[in-house]
Amino acid sequence: MTDAEYTADMGAADVPATMESVAIVERDRAISESDRTDEQKADLFRNEGHIVIKMKWTEFVKALSTSQKAKIDALSL
């Protein structure tokens, strides 16, 4: 799929799941790296990747509120 094929409706539909990924990343980053379980490390890797992929879609970024985009930007992915 190209960026041109990714619609505003798709972007809006993807926001809730991506914000869940943001919450997981924030939660797992709050745990000291040496204290993270293998499952937490895998969750962190997977959810950071999910956010990076979504942020490449123009219509997804347009669908974010200012505060949602700020939360994602704060992750420095």
C-alpha atoms as a PDB file:
ATOM      1  CA  MET A   1       0.000   0.000   0.000  1.00  0.00           C
ATOM      2  CA  THR A   2       1.224   3.474  -0.795  1.00  0.00           C
ATOM      3  CA  ASP A   3       0.717   6.605   1.258  1.00  0.00           C
ATOM      4  CA  ALA A   4      -1.783   7.779  -1.382  1.00  0.00           C
ATOM      5  CA  GLU A   5      -3.873   4.632  -0.809  1.00  0.00           C
ATOM      6  CA  TYR A   6      -3.993   5.082   2.974  1.00  0.00           C
ATOM      7  CA  THR A   7      -7.203   7.022   3.561  1.00  0.00           C
ATOM      8  CA  ALA A   8      -8.332   9.435   6.257  1.00  0.00           C
ATOM      9  CA  ASP A   9     -10.837   6.801   7.435  1.00  0.00           C
ATOM     10  CA  MET A  10      -8.036   4.270   7.788  1.00  0.00           C
ATOM     11  CA  GLY A  11      -5.964   6.787   9.720  1.00  0.00           C
ATOM     12  CA  ALA A  12      -8.795   7.578  12.113  1.00  0.00           C
ATOM     13  CA  ALA A  13      -9.525   3.876  12.622  1.00  0.00           C
ATOM     14  CA  ASP A  14      -5.869   3.164  13.489  1.00  0.00           C
ATOM     15  CA  VAL A  15      -5.536   5.857  16.171  1.00  0.00           C
ATOM     16  CA  PRO A  16      -7.018   3.907  19.141  1.00  0.00           C
ATOM     17  CA  ALA A  17      -4.780   0.851  18.681  1.00  0.00           C
ATOM     18  CA  THR A  18      -1.740   3.034  18.175  1.00  0.00           C
ATOM     19  CA  MET A  19      -2.460   4.970  21.346  1.00  0.00           C
ATOM     20  CA  GLU A  20      -2.666   1.625  23.168  1.00  0.00           C
ATOM     21  CA  SER A  21       0.814   0.945  21.796  1.00  0.00           C
ATOM     22  CA  VAL A  22       1.936   4.315  23.163  1.00  0.00           C
ATOM     23  CA  ALA A  23       0.635   3.369  26.617  1.00  0.00           C
ATOM     24  CA  ILE A  24       2.479   0.029  26.478  1.00  0.00           C
ATOM     25  CA  VAL A  25       5.719   1.727  25.440  1.00  0.00           C
ATOM     26  CA  GLU A  26       5.390   4.292  28.241  1.00  0.00           C
ATOM     27  CA  ARG A  27       4.642   1.546  30.766  1.00  0.00           C
ATOM     28  CA  ASP A  28       7.523  -0.690  29.728  1.00  0.00           C
ATOM     29  CA  ARG A  29      10.032   2.145  29.407  1.00  0.00           C
ATOM     30  CA  ALA A  30       9.254   3.098  33.003  1.00  0.00           C
ATOM     31  CA  ILE A  31      10.728  -0.253  34.048  1.00  0.00           C
ATOM     32  CA  SER A  32      14.495  -0.325  34.361  1.00  0.00           C
ATOM     33  CA  GLU A  33      15.947  -2.053  31.316  1.00  0.00           C
ATOM     34  CA  SER A  34      17.686  -4.633  33.509  1.00  0.00           C
ATOM     35  CA  ASP A  35      14.398  -5.411  35.290  1.00  0.00           C
ATOM     36  CA  ARG A  36      12.277  -5.964  32.168  1.00  0.00           C
ATOM     37  CA  THR A  37      11.066  -9.480  31.499  1.00  0.00           C
ATOM     38  CA  ASP A  38      11.546 -11.041  28.079  1.00  0.00           C
ATOM     39  CA  GLU A  39       7.838 -10.500  27.468  1.00  0.00           C
ATOM     40  CA  GLN A  40       8.135  -6.784  28.321  1.00  0.00           C
ATOM     41  CA  LYS A  41      11.154  -6.439  26.037  1.00  0.00           C
ATOM     42  CA  ALA A  42       9.222  -8.107  23.205  1.00  0.00           C
ATOM     43  CA  ASP A  43       6.156  -5.923  23.857  1.00  0.00           C
ATOM     44  CA  LEU A  44       8.307  -2.808  23.794  1.00  0.00           C
ATOM     45  CA  PHE A  45      10.005  -3.799  20.523  1.00  0.00           C
ATOM     46  CA  ARG A  46       6.724  -4.735  18.837  1.00  0.00           C
ATOM     47  CA  ASN A  47       4.804  -1.641  19.964  1.00  0.00           C
ATOM     48  CA  GLU A  48       7.591   0.807  19.141  1.00  0.00           C
ATOM     49  CA  GLY A  49       7.689  -0.725  15.664  1.00  0.00           C
ATOM     50  CA  HIS A  50       3.915  -0.397  15.306  1.00  0.00           C
ATOM     51  CA  ILE A  51       4.084   3.314  16.153  1.00  0.00           C
ATOM     52  CA  VAL A  52       6.966   3.951  13.746  1.00  0.00           C
ATOM     53  CA  ILE A  53       5.052   2.295  10.916  1.00  0.00           C
ATOM     54  CA  LYS A  54       1.851   4.266  11.573  1.00  0.00           C
ATOM     55  CA  MET A  55       3.698   7.584  11.774  1.00  0.00           C
ATOM     56  CA  LYS A  56       4.821   7.096   8.162  1.00  0.00           C
ATOM     57  CA  TRP A  57       1.214   7.438   6.924  1.00  0.00           C
ATOM     58  CA  THR A  58       0.255  11.063   6.253  1.00  0.00           C
ATOM     59  CA  GLU A  59      -3.454  10.523   6.915  1.00  0.00           C
ATOM     60  CA  PHE A  60      -2.726   8.746  10.179  1.00  0.00           C
ATOM     61  CA  VAL A  61      -0.674  11.694  11.438  1.00  0.00           C
ATOM     62  CA  LYS A  62      -3.441  14.090  10.349  1.00  0.00           C
ATOM     63  CA  ALA A  63      -5.957  12.038  12.374  1.00  0.00           C
ATOM     64  CA  LEU A  64      -4.008  12.498  15.618  1.00  0.00           C
ATOM     65  CA  SER A  65      -4.965  15.210  18.056  1.00  0.00           C
ATOM     66  CA  THR A  66      -2.271  17.644  19.115  1.00  0.00           C
ATOM     67  CA  SER A  67      -1.865  15.878  22.458  1.00  0.00           C
ATOM     68  CA  GLN A  68      -1.708  12.427  20.855  1.00  0.00           C
ATOM     69  CA  LYS A  69       0.996  13.568  18.446  1.00  0.00           C
ATOM     70  CA  ALA A  70       2.921  15.177  21.311  1.00  0.00           C
ATOM     71  CA  LYS A  71       2.825  11.899  23.283  1.00  0.00           C
ATOM     72  CA  ILE A  72       4.177  10.013  20.266  1.00  0.00           C
ATOM     73  CA  ASP A  73       6.829  12.656  19.555  1.00  0.00           C
ATOM     74  CA  ALA A  74       7.934  12.466  23.203  1.00  0.00           C
ATOM     75  CA  LEU A  75       8.845   8.811  22.671  1.00  0.00           C
ATOM     76  CA  SER A  76      11.596   9.885  20.231  1.00  0.00           C
ATOM     77  CA  LEU A  77      11.138   6.940  17.928  1.00  0.00           C
END
